[in-house]
C-alpha atoms as a PDB file:
ATOM      1  CA  UNK A   1      25.670 -16.754 -25.084  1.00  0.00           C
ATOM      2  CA  UNK A   2      23.795 -13.459 -25.402  1.00  0.00           C
ATOM      3  CA  UNK A   3      24.191 -10.563 -22.952  1.00  0.00           C
ATOM      4  CA  UNK A   4      20.780 -11.151 -21.265  1.00  0.00           C
ATOM      5  CA  UNK A   5      21.625 -14.727 -20.293  1.00  0.00           C
ATOM      6  CA  UNK A   6      25.094 -13.712 -19.270  1.00  0.00           C
ATOM      7  CA  UNK A   7      23.686 -11.003 -16.873  1.00  0.00           C
ATOM      8  CA  UNK A   8      21.334 -13.555 -15.385  1.00  0.00           C
ATOM      9  CA  UNK A   9      24.242 -15.863 -14.517  1.00  0.00           C
ATOM     10  CA  UNK A  10      26.226 -12.948 -12.921  1.00  0.00           C
ATOM     11  CA  UNK A  11      23.377 -12.315 -10.343  1.00  0.00           C
ATOM     12  CA  UNK A  12      24.651 -13.713  -7.035  1.00  0.00           C
ATOM     13  CA  UNK A  13      22.610 -16.733  -5.873  1.00  0.00           C
ATOM     14  CA  UNK A  14      21.710 -15.081  -2.564  1.00  0.00           C
ATOM     15  CA  UNK A  15      20.097 -12.254  -4.449  1.00  0.00           C
ATOM     16  CA  UNK A  16      18.016 -14.743  -6.532  1.00  0.00           C
ATOM     17  CA  UNK A  17      16.985 -16.649  -3.382  1.00  0.00           C
ATOM     18  CA  UNK A  18      15.931 -13.424  -1.707  1.00  0.00           C
ATOM     19  CA  UNK A  19      13.405 -12.815  -4.562  1.00  0.00           C
ATOM     20  CA  UNK A  20      11.761 -16.182  -4.231  1.00  0.00           C
ATOM     21  CA  UNK A  21       9.505 -15.566  -1.220  1.00  0.00           C
ATOM     22  CA  UNK A  22       7.781 -12.584  -3.048  1.00  0.00           C
ATOM     23  CA  UNK A  23       6.682 -14.903  -5.714  1.00  0.00           C
ATOM     24  CA  UNK A  24       4.455 -16.749  -3.357  1.00  0.00           C
ATOM     25  CA  UNK A  25       3.192 -13.764  -1.329  1.00  0.00           C
ATOM     26  CA  UNK A  26       5.484 -14.249   1.690  1.00  0.00           C
ATOM     27  CA  UNK A  27       5.838 -10.969   3.476  1.00  0.00           C
ATOM     28  CA  UNK A  28       9.379 -10.112   4.338  1.00  0.00           C
ATOM     29  CA  UNK A  29       8.905  -6.368   4.414  1.00  0.00           C
ATOM     30  CA  UNK A  30       7.945  -4.402   7.613  1.00  0.00           C
ATOM     31  CA  UNK A  31       4.226  -4.056   7.811  1.00  0.00           C
ATOM     32  CA  UNK A  32       2.277  -1.099   9.279  1.00  0.00           C
ATOM     33  CA  UNK A  33       1.522  -2.146  12.904  1.00  0.00           C
ATOM     34  CA  UNK A  34      -2.129  -2.490  14.026  1.00  0.00           C
ATOM     35  CA  UNK A  35      -4.384  -4.088  16.629  1.00  0.00           C
ATOM     36  CA  UNK A  36      -7.456  -6.031  15.645  1.00  0.00           C
ATOM     37  CA  UNK A  37     -10.356  -4.756  17.656  1.00  0.00           C
ATOM     38  CA  UNK A  38     -13.051  -6.775  16.022  1.00  0.00           C
ATOM     39  CA  UNK A  39     -13.194  -9.745  13.433  1.00  0.00           C
ATOM     40  CA  UNK A  40     -16.294 -10.833  11.627  1.00  0.00           C
ATOM     41  CA  UNK A  41     -15.634 -13.334   8.943  1.00  0.00           C
ATOM     42  CA  UNK A  42     -13.305 -11.666   6.450  1.00  0.00           C
ATOM     43  CA  UNK A  43     -13.949  -8.091   7.860  1.00  0.00           C
ATOM     44  CA  UNK A  44     -11.831  -6.515  10.640  1.00  0.00           C
ATOM     45  CA  UNK A  45     -11.841  -3.256  12.570  1.00  0.00           C
ATOM     46  CA  UNK A  46      -8.299  -2.327  13.201  1.00  0.00           C
ATOM     47  CA  UNK A  47      -6.497   0.354  15.170  1.00  0.00           C
ATOM     48  CA  UNK A  48      -3.420   1.618  13.285  1.00  0.00           C
ATOM     49  CA  UNK A  49      -0.587   3.151  15.176  1.00  0.00           C
ATOM     50  CA  UNK A  50       0.613   6.690  13.920  1.00  0.00           C
ATOM     51  CA  UNK A  51       2.578   6.456  10.722  1.00  0.00           C
ATOM     52  CA  UNK A  52       4.585   8.688   8.256  1.00  0.00           C
ATOM     53  CA  UNK A  53       3.541   8.389   4.629  1.00  0.00           C
ATOM     54  CA  UNK A  54       5.076   9.558   1.306  1.00  0.00           C
ATOM     55  CA  UNK A  55       2.244  10.375  -1.027  1.00  0.00           C
ATOM     56  CA  UNK A  56       1.685  11.517  -4.631  1.00  0.00           C
ATOM     57  CA  UNK A  57      -1.496  12.291  -6.627  1.00  0.00           C
ATOM     58  CA  UNK A  58      -1.752  11.445 -10.365  1.00  0.00           C
ATOM     59  CA  UNK A  59      -4.515  12.261 -12.680  1.00  0.00           C
ATOM     60  CA  UNK A  60      -5.430   9.543 -15.280  1.00  0.00           C
ATOM     61  CA  UNK A  61      -6.972   6.117 -15.882  1.00  0.00           C
ATOM     62  CA  UNK A  62      -6.394   3.572 -13.069  1.00  0.00           C
ATOM     63  CA  UNK A  63      -3.686   1.481 -14.628  1.00  0.00           C
ATOM     64  CA  UNK A  64      -1.627   4.388 -15.962  1.00  0.00           C
ATOM     65  CA  UNK A  65      -1.994   6.473 -12.818  1.00  0.00           C
ATOM     66  CA  UNK A  66      -1.094   3.420 -10.608  1.00  0.00           C
ATOM     67  CA  UNK A  67       2.114   2.753 -12.587  1.00  0.00           C
ATOM     68  CA  UNK A  68       3.303   6.370 -12.646  1.00  0.00           C
ATOM     69  CA  UNK A  69       2.557   6.837  -8.939  1.00  0.00           C
ATOM     70  CA  UNK A  70       4.312   3.512  -7.961  1.00  0.00           C
ATOM     71  CA  UNK A  71       7.421   4.242 -10.059  1.00  0.00           C
ATOM     72  CA  UNK A  72       7.787   7.720  -8.618  1.00  0.00           C
ATOM     73  CA  UNK A  73       7.414   6.562  -4.996  1.00  0.00           C
ATOM     74  CA  UNK A  74       9.704   3.531  -5.624  1.00  0.00           C
ATOM     75  CA  UNK A  75      12.257   5.866  -6.908  1.00  0.00           C
ATOM     76  CA  UNK A  76      12.040   7.908  -3.804  1.00  0.00           C
ATOM     77  CA  UNK A  77      12.756   5.001  -1.441  1.00  0.00           C
ATOM     78  CA  UNK A  78      15.412   3.584  -3.722  1.00  0.00           C
ATOM     79  CA  UNK A  79      17.446   6.802  -3.322  1.00  0.00           C
ATOM     80  CA  UNK A  80      15.891   9.573  -5.461  1.00  0.00           C
ATOM     81  CA  UNK A  81      16.046  12.041  -2.555  1.00  0.00           C
ATOM     82  CA  UNK A  82      18.166  14.860  -1.437  1.00  0.00           C
ATOM     83  CA  UNK A  83      20.485  12.536   0.694  1.00  0.00           C
ATOM     84  CA  UNK A  84      20.406   9.613  -1.786  1.00  0.00           C
ATOM     85  CA  UNK A  85      19.189   7.481   1.148  1.00  0.00           C
ATOM     86  CA  UNK A  86      17.697   4.044   0.436  1.00  0.00           C
ATOM     87  CA  UNK A  87      14.519   3.448   2.627  1.00  0.00           C
ATOM     88  CA  UNK A  88      13.337   0.018   3.440  1.00  0.00           C
ATOM     89  CA  UNK A  89      10.051  -0.915   1.660  1.00  0.00           C
ATOM     90  CA  UNK A  90       6.979  -1.199   3.968  1.00  0.00           C
ATOM     91  CA  UNK A  91       3.583  -2.662   3.265  1.00  0.00           C
ATOM     92  CA  UNK A  92       0.837  -2.121   2.368  1.00  0.00           C
ATOM     93  CA  UNK A  93       0.837   0.422  -0.435  1.00  0.00           C
ATOM     94  CA  UNK A  94      -2.294   2.571  -0.104  1.00  0.00           C
ATOM     95  CA  UNK A  95      -4.229   3.898  -3.120  1.00  0.00           C
ATOM     96  CA  UNK A  96      -7.312   6.233  -2.968  1.00  0.00           C
ATOM     97  CA  UNK A  97      -9.306   7.910  -5.678  1.00  0.00           C
ATOM     98  CA  UNK A  98      -9.466  11.516  -4.361  1.00  0.00           C
ATOM     99  CA  UNK A  99     -11.345  13.095  -7.208  1.00  0.00           C
ATOM    100  CA  UNK A 100     -12.529  12.114 -10.629  1.00  0.00           C
ATOM    101  CA  UNK A 101      -9.741  10.175 -12.223  1.00  0.00           C
ATOM    102  CA  UNK A 102      -7.262  11.535  -9.677  1.00  0.00           C
ATOM    103  CA  UNK A 103      -5.436   8.829  -7.540  1.00  0.00           C
ATOM    104  CA  UNK A 104      -3.391   9.393  -4.452  1.00  0.00           C
ATOM    105  CA  UNK A 105      -0.854   6.596  -3.732  1.00  0.00           C
ATOM    106  CA  UNK A 106       1.094   6.391  -0.354  1.00  0.00           C
ATOM    107  CA  UNK A 107       3.965   4.461   0.822  1.00  0.00           C
ATOM    108  CA  UNK A 108       4.225   4.040   4.628  1.00  0.00           C
ATOM    109  CA  UNK A 109       7.721   4.730   5.772  1.00  0.00           C
ATOM    110  CA  UNK A 110       9.444   2.696   8.385  1.00  0.00           C
ATOM    111  CA  UNK A 111       8.600   3.600  11.992  1.00  0.00           C
ATOM    112  CA  UNK A 112      11.889   5.386  12.751  1.00  0.00           C
ATOM    113  CA  UNK A 113      10.960   8.129  10.353  1.00  0.00           C
ATOM    114  CA  UNK A 114       8.734  11.238  10.883  1.00  0.00           C
ATOM    115  CA  UNK A 115       7.966  13.874   8.170  1.00  0.00           C
ATOM    116  CA  UNK A 116      10.622  16.245   9.604  1.00  0.00           C
ATOM    117  CA  UNK A 117      13.425  13.674   9.509  1.00  0.00           C
ATOM    118  CA  UNK A 118      12.655  11.656   6.431  1.00  0.00           C
ATOM    119  CA  UNK A 119      14.760  12.437   3.302  1.00  0.00           C
ATOM    120  CA  UNK A 120      13.325  15.209   1.008  1.00  0.00           C
ATOM    121  CA  UNK A 121      12.016  13.665  -2.281  1.00  0.00           C
ATOM    122  CA  UNK A 122      13.695  14.708  -5.522  1.00  0.00           C
ATOM    123  CA  UNK A 123      10.187  14.549  -7.113  1.00  0.00           C
ATOM    124  CA  UNK A 124       8.427  17.666  -5.811  1.00  0.00           C
ATOM    125  CA  UNK A 125       5.026  16.074  -6.370  1.00  0.00           C
ATOM    126  CA  UNK A 126       5.708  13.726  -3.500  1.00  0.00           C
ATOM    127  CA  UNK A 127       4.707  15.016  -0.010  1.00  0.00           C
ATOM    128  CA  UNK A 128       5.434  13.675   3.414  1.00  0.00           C
ATOM    129  CA  UNK A 129       2.618  13.554   5.910  1.00  0.00           C
ATOM    130  CA  UNK A 130       1.935  12.352   9.409  1.00  0.00           C
ATOM    131  CA  UNK A 131      -1.057  10.123   9.758  1.00  0.00           C
ATOM    132  CA  UNK A 132      -2.174   9.896  13.543  1.00  0.00           C
ATOM    133  CA  UNK A 133      -3.654   6.837  15.235  1.00  0.00           C
ATOM    134  CA  UNK A 134      -6.737   5.808  13.405  1.00  0.00           C
ATOM    135  CA  UNK A 135      -9.470   3.053  13.039  1.00  0.00           C
ATOM    136  CA  UNK A 136      -9.978   1.278   9.755  1.00  0.00           C
ATOM    137  CA  UNK A 137     -12.567  -1.238   8.632  1.00  0.00           C
ATOM    138  CA  UNK A 138     -10.917  -3.750   6.194  1.00  0.00           C
ATOM    139  CA  UNK A 139     -11.817  -6.642   3.995  1.00  0.00           C
ATOM    140  CA  UNK A 140      -9.204  -8.754   2.200  1.00  0.00           C
ATOM    141  CA  UNK A 141      -9.070 -10.611  -1.206  1.00  0.00           C
ATOM    142  CA  UNK A 142      -6.588 -12.404  -3.382  1.00  0.00           C
ATOM    143  CA  UNK A 143      -5.592 -11.879  -6.964  1.00  0.00           C
ATOM    144  CA  UNK A 144      -4.903  -9.121  -9.420  1.00  0.00           C
ATOM    145  CA  UNK A 145      -6.006  -5.773  -7.948  1.00  0.00           C
ATOM    146  CA  UNK A 146      -8.297  -4.290 -10.694  1.00  0.00           C
ATOM    147  CA  UNK A 147     -11.206  -1.868 -10.662  1.00  0.00           C
ATOM    148  CA  UNK A 148     -13.827  -4.669 -10.866  1.00  0.00           C
ATOM    149  CA  UNK A 149     -12.525  -6.348  -7.657  1.00  0.00           C
ATOM    150  CA  UNK A 150     -12.168  -3.047  -5.966  1.00  0.00           C
ATOM    151  CA  UNK A 151     -15.813  -2.103  -6.533  1.00  0.00           C
ATOM    152  CA  UNK A 152     -16.973  -5.648  -5.518  1.00  0.00           C
ATOM    153  CA  UNK A 153     -15.275  -5.698  -2.139  1.00  0.00           C
ATOM    154  CA  UNK A 154     -15.902  -2.043  -1.483  1.00  0.00           C
ATOM    155  CA  UNK A 155     -19.659  -2.731  -1.872  1.00  0.00           C
ATOM    156  CA  UNK A 156     -19.335  -5.726   0.575  1.00  0.00           C
ATOM    157  CA  UNK A 157     -17.568  -3.564   3.156  1.00  0.00           C
ATOM    158  CA  UNK A 158     -19.970  -0.595   2.830  1.00  0.00           C
ATOM    159  CA  UNK A 159     -23.003  -2.905   3.230  1.00  0.00           C
ATOM    160  CA  UNK A 160     -21.392  -4.384   6.294  1.00  0.00           C
ATOM    161  CA  UNK A 161     -20.872  -0.897   7.870  1.00  0.00           C
ATOM    162  CA  UNK A 162     -24.315   0.215   6.883  1.00  0.00           C
ATOM    163  CA  UNK A 163     -25.755  -2.584   9.053  1.00  0.00           C
ATOM    164  CA  UNK A 164     -23.595  -1.406  11.939  1.00  0.00           C
ATOM    165  CA  UNK A 165     -24.279   2.317  12.376  1.00  0.00           C
ATOM    166  CA  UNK A 166     -22.045   2.485  15.519  1.00  0.00           C
ATOM    167  CA  UNK A 167     -19.069   2.522  12.920  1.00  0.00           C
ATOM    168  CA  UNK A 168     -19.353   5.872  11.157  1.00  0.00           C
ATOM    169  CA  UNK A 169     -17.316   6.027   7.858  1.00  0.00           C
ATOM    170  CA  UNK A 170     -14.782   8.924   7.800  1.00  0.00           C
ATOM    171  CA  UNK A 171     -13.321   8.380   4.437  1.00  0.00           C
ATOM    172  CA  UNK A 172     -14.139   6.847   1.049  1.00  0.00           C
ATOM    173  CA  UNK A 173     -12.498   3.513   0.202  1.00  0.00           C
ATOM    174  CA  UNK A 174      -8.725   2.951  -0.061  1.00  0.00           C
ATOM    175  CA  UNK A 175      -6.985  -0.089  -1.505  1.00  0.00           C
ATOM    176  CA  UNK A 176      -4.097  -1.661   0.383  1.00  0.00           C
ATOM    177  CA  UNK A 177      -1.718  -3.778  -1.705  1.00  0.00           C
ATOM    178  CA  UNK A 178       0.959  -6.085  -0.061  1.00  0.00           C
ATOM    179  CA  UNK A 179       2.542  -7.725  -2.986  1.00  0.00           C
ATOM    180  CA  UNK A 180       4.619  -6.600  -6.130  1.00  0.00           C
ATOM    181  CA  UNK A 181       3.787  -7.369  -9.749  1.00  0.00           C
ATOM    182  CA  UNK A 182       6.033 -10.376  -9.805  1.00  0.00           C
ATOM    183  CA  UNK A 183       3.976 -12.226  -7.182  1.00  0.00           C
ATOM    184  CA  UNK A 184       1.981 -15.050  -8.644  1.00  0.00           C
ATOM    185  CA  UNK A 185      -1.551 -13.515  -8.676  1.00  0.00           C
ATOM    186  CA  UNK A 186      -3.087 -16.399  -6.642  1.00  0.00           C
ATOM    187  CA  UNK A 187      -0.892 -15.469  -3.800  1.00  0.00           C
ATOM    188  CA  UNK A 188      -1.331 -11.653  -3.875  1.00  0.00           C
ATOM    189  CA  UNK A 189      -2.925 -10.039  -0.875  1.00  0.00           C
ATOM    190  CA  UNK A 190      -5.121  -6.959  -1.225  1.00  0.00           C
ATOM    191  CA  UNK A 191      -7.538  -5.174   1.132  1.00  0.00           C
ATOM    192  CA  UNK A 192     -10.151  -2.512   1.041  1.00  0.00           C
ATOM    193  CA  UNK A 193      -9.809   0.073   3.947  1.00  0.00           C
ATOM    194  CA  UNK A 194     -12.350   2.619   5.062  1.00  0.00           C
ATOM    195  CA  UNK A 195     -11.485   5.016   8.002  1.00  0.00           C
ATOM    196  CA  UNK A 196     -14.165   4.895  10.675  1.00  0.00           C
ATOM    197  CA  UNK A 197     -15.155   6.291  13.911  1.00  0.00           C
ATOM    198  CA  UNK A 198     -16.619   4.100  16.763  1.00  0.00           C
ATOM    199  CA  UNK A 199     -19.426   5.649  18.701  1.00  0.00           C
ATOM    200  CA  UNK A 200     -20.816   3.952  21.910  1.00  0.00           C
END
């Protein structure tokens, strides 16, 4: 028996079972709380409660920037911080193109944290920030989150907003991803978010 197969057998059965729901897109993590103010088919206007985010900006092509940003933020919540504290994973993971080929990824921290009390990251590229109460227009889709799908669903959401001028866009698009890379693609949940302001 090789070392790889031996190490697989040594994994406690409860740890293996805990990983199964994620394969099928079942959300066990805390999710950022929000209230649905309007629903129109697959599009929603949501009010998100204030939240604390850990964010990092990486320059590069989408795939490479995504991987580097995710690994850095994952390291932070797994204990790569000044107090070696492990932080519960919260969904979704937010990704936004902030400049040409610069991507900012954010992990939303559990509700008990604020920027002043959250552990200080070891990676000084990560910054902690408070995000106040805000409105978001969102549209969801399944599958692998690639640039083609991002562009397709961003276009649909922007067209919907253009026909409803009482919702004023305050940001460019952001992607919200709820599942990890081990989730079966068919079960993966993704969204496009655009911050908006509602005028009467």
